[in-house]
């Protein structure tokens, strides 16, 4: 199981390294998924891509102010 994020699909200009890392993990998950699908190996490759997680990646509050209705802490 790999944990990526929506940044793999919709990158943010302020986080190019994170975008590239998540896209690489997506590709890393997709390749064995396709290879093992036809092999009948009994192995599943799972990728979890949560949408929004409040972190400090985007600054002090870690959220996009125009999309988050909560007041700053």
C-alpha atoms as a PDB file:
ATOM      1  CA  UNK A   1       0.000   0.000   0.000  1.00  0.00           C
ATOM      2  CA  UNK A   2       1.284   3.429  -0.958  1.00  0.00           C
ATOM      3  CA  UNK A   3      -0.063   6.737   0.301  1.00  0.00           C
ATOM      4  CA  UNK A   4       0.008   9.553  -2.240  1.00  0.00           C
ATOM      5  CA  UNK A   5      -2.268  12.570  -2.494  1.00  0.00           C
ATOM      6  CA  UNK A   6      -4.386  14.532  -4.902  1.00  0.00           C
ATOM      7  CA  UNK A   7      -1.205  16.489  -5.714  1.00  0.00           C
ATOM      8  CA  UNK A   8      -0.282  13.570  -7.975  1.00  0.00           C
ATOM      9  CA  UNK A   9      -3.226  14.503 -10.208  1.00  0.00           C
ATOM     10  CA  UNK A  10      -3.709  18.247  -9.587  1.00  0.00           C
ATOM     11  CA  UNK A  11      -0.353  19.799  -8.661  1.00  0.00           C
ATOM     12  CA  UNK A  12       0.039  23.076  -6.771  1.00  0.00           C
ATOM     13  CA  UNK A  13       2.615  25.564  -8.105  1.00  0.00           C
ATOM     14  CA  UNK A  14       3.883  26.271  -4.570  1.00  0.00           C
ATOM     15  CA  UNK A  15       4.902  22.632  -3.951  1.00  0.00           C
ATOM     16  CA  UNK A  16       6.772  21.293  -7.002  1.00  0.00           C
ATOM     17  CA  UNK A  17       8.869  18.749  -5.108  1.00  0.00           C
ATOM     18  CA  UNK A  18       5.861  17.334  -3.295  1.00  0.00           C
ATOM     19  CA  UNK A  19       3.890  17.208  -6.569  1.00  0.00           C
ATOM     20  CA  UNK A  20       6.683  15.286  -8.302  1.00  0.00           C
ATOM     21  CA  UNK A  21       7.091  12.882  -5.391  1.00  0.00           C
ATOM     22  CA  UNK A  22       3.375  12.080  -5.280  1.00  0.00           C
ATOM     23  CA  UNK A  23       3.246  11.622  -9.062  1.00  0.00           C
ATOM     24  CA  UNK A  24       6.231   9.260  -8.859  1.00  0.00           C
ATOM     25  CA  UNK A  25       4.523   7.216  -6.137  1.00  0.00           C
ATOM     26  CA  UNK A  26       1.378   7.041  -8.267  1.00  0.00           C
ATOM     27  CA  UNK A  27       3.397   5.717 -11.211  1.00  0.00           C
ATOM     28  CA  UNK A  28       5.315   3.342  -8.915  1.00  0.00           C
ATOM     29  CA  UNK A  29       1.962   1.933  -7.715  1.00  0.00           C
ATOM     30  CA  UNK A  30       0.393   1.746 -11.155  1.00  0.00           C
ATOM     31  CA  UNK A  31       3.181  -0.259 -12.821  1.00  0.00           C
ATOM     32  CA  UNK A  32       3.104  -3.346 -10.563  1.00  0.00           C
ATOM     33  CA  UNK A  33      -0.700  -3.102 -10.392  1.00  0.00           C
ATOM     34  CA  UNK A  34      -0.882  -3.588 -14.157  1.00  0.00           C
ATOM     35  CA  UNK A  35       1.852  -6.239 -14.198  1.00  0.00           C
ATOM     36  CA  UNK A  36       0.289  -8.292 -11.410  1.00  0.00           C
ATOM     37  CA  UNK A  37      -3.277  -7.992 -12.710  1.00  0.00           C
ATOM     38  CA  UNK A  38      -2.681 -10.492 -15.507  1.00  0.00           C
ATOM     39  CA  UNK A  39      -0.340 -12.736 -13.515  1.00  0.00           C
ATOM     40  CA  UNK A  40      -3.055 -14.116 -11.205  1.00  0.00           C
ATOM     41  CA  UNK A  41      -0.513 -13.764  -8.364  1.00  0.00           C
ATOM     42  CA  UNK A  42      -3.058 -13.074  -5.624  1.00  0.00           C
ATOM     43  CA  UNK A  43      -1.363  -9.777  -4.805  1.00  0.00           C
ATOM     44  CA  UNK A  44      -3.091  -6.398  -4.862  1.00  0.00           C
ATOM     45  CA  UNK A  45      -1.359  -3.047  -5.119  1.00  0.00           C
ATOM     46  CA  UNK A  46      -3.319  -0.384  -3.266  1.00  0.00           C
ATOM     47  CA  UNK A  47      -2.819   3.359  -3.486  1.00  0.00           C
ATOM     48  CA  UNK A  48      -4.488   5.706  -1.027  1.00  0.00           C
ATOM     49  CA  UNK A  49      -4.831   9.289  -2.253  1.00  0.00           C
ATOM     50  CA  UNK A  50      -6.535  11.471   0.376  1.00  0.00           C
ATOM     51  CA  UNK A  51      -7.872  14.786  -0.883  1.00  0.00           C
ATOM     52  CA  UNK A  52      -7.175  17.439   1.726  1.00  0.00           C
ATOM     53  CA  UNK A  53      -4.998  17.131   4.789  1.00  0.00           C
ATOM     54  CA  UNK A  54      -4.201  20.122   6.968  1.00  0.00           C
ATOM     55  CA  UNK A  55      -0.395  20.379   7.078  1.00  0.00           C
ATOM     56  CA  UNK A  56       2.193  23.150   7.172  1.00  0.00           C
ATOM     57  CA  UNK A  57       3.068  22.551   3.501  1.00  0.00           C
ATOM     58  CA  UNK A  58       1.228  25.709   2.430  1.00  0.00           C
ATOM     59  CA  UNK A  59       2.429  27.947   5.221  1.00  0.00           C
ATOM     60  CA  UNK A  60       1.675  28.664   8.834  1.00  0.00           C
ATOM     61  CA  UNK A  61      -1.940  27.455   8.834  1.00  0.00           C
ATOM     62  CA  UNK A  62      -1.437  24.776   6.220  1.00  0.00           C
ATOM     63  CA  UNK A  63      -4.615  25.487   4.281  1.00  0.00           C
ATOM     64  CA  UNK A  64      -5.816  27.470   1.327  1.00  0.00           C
ATOM     65  CA  UNK A  65      -7.584  30.527   2.799  1.00  0.00           C
ATOM     66  CA  UNK A  66     -10.021  30.958  -0.086  1.00  0.00           C
ATOM     67  CA  UNK A  67     -11.233  27.351   0.210  1.00  0.00           C
ATOM     68  CA  UNK A  68     -11.324  26.793   3.967  1.00  0.00           C
ATOM     69  CA  UNK A  69     -14.188  28.499   5.814  1.00  0.00           C
ATOM     70  CA  UNK A  70     -12.649  27.895   9.256  1.00  0.00           C
ATOM     71  CA  UNK A  71     -11.131  30.929  10.975  1.00  0.00           C
ATOM     72  CA  UNK A  72      -7.358  30.847  11.639  1.00  0.00           C
ATOM     73  CA  UNK A  73      -6.316  29.325  14.968  1.00  0.00           C
END
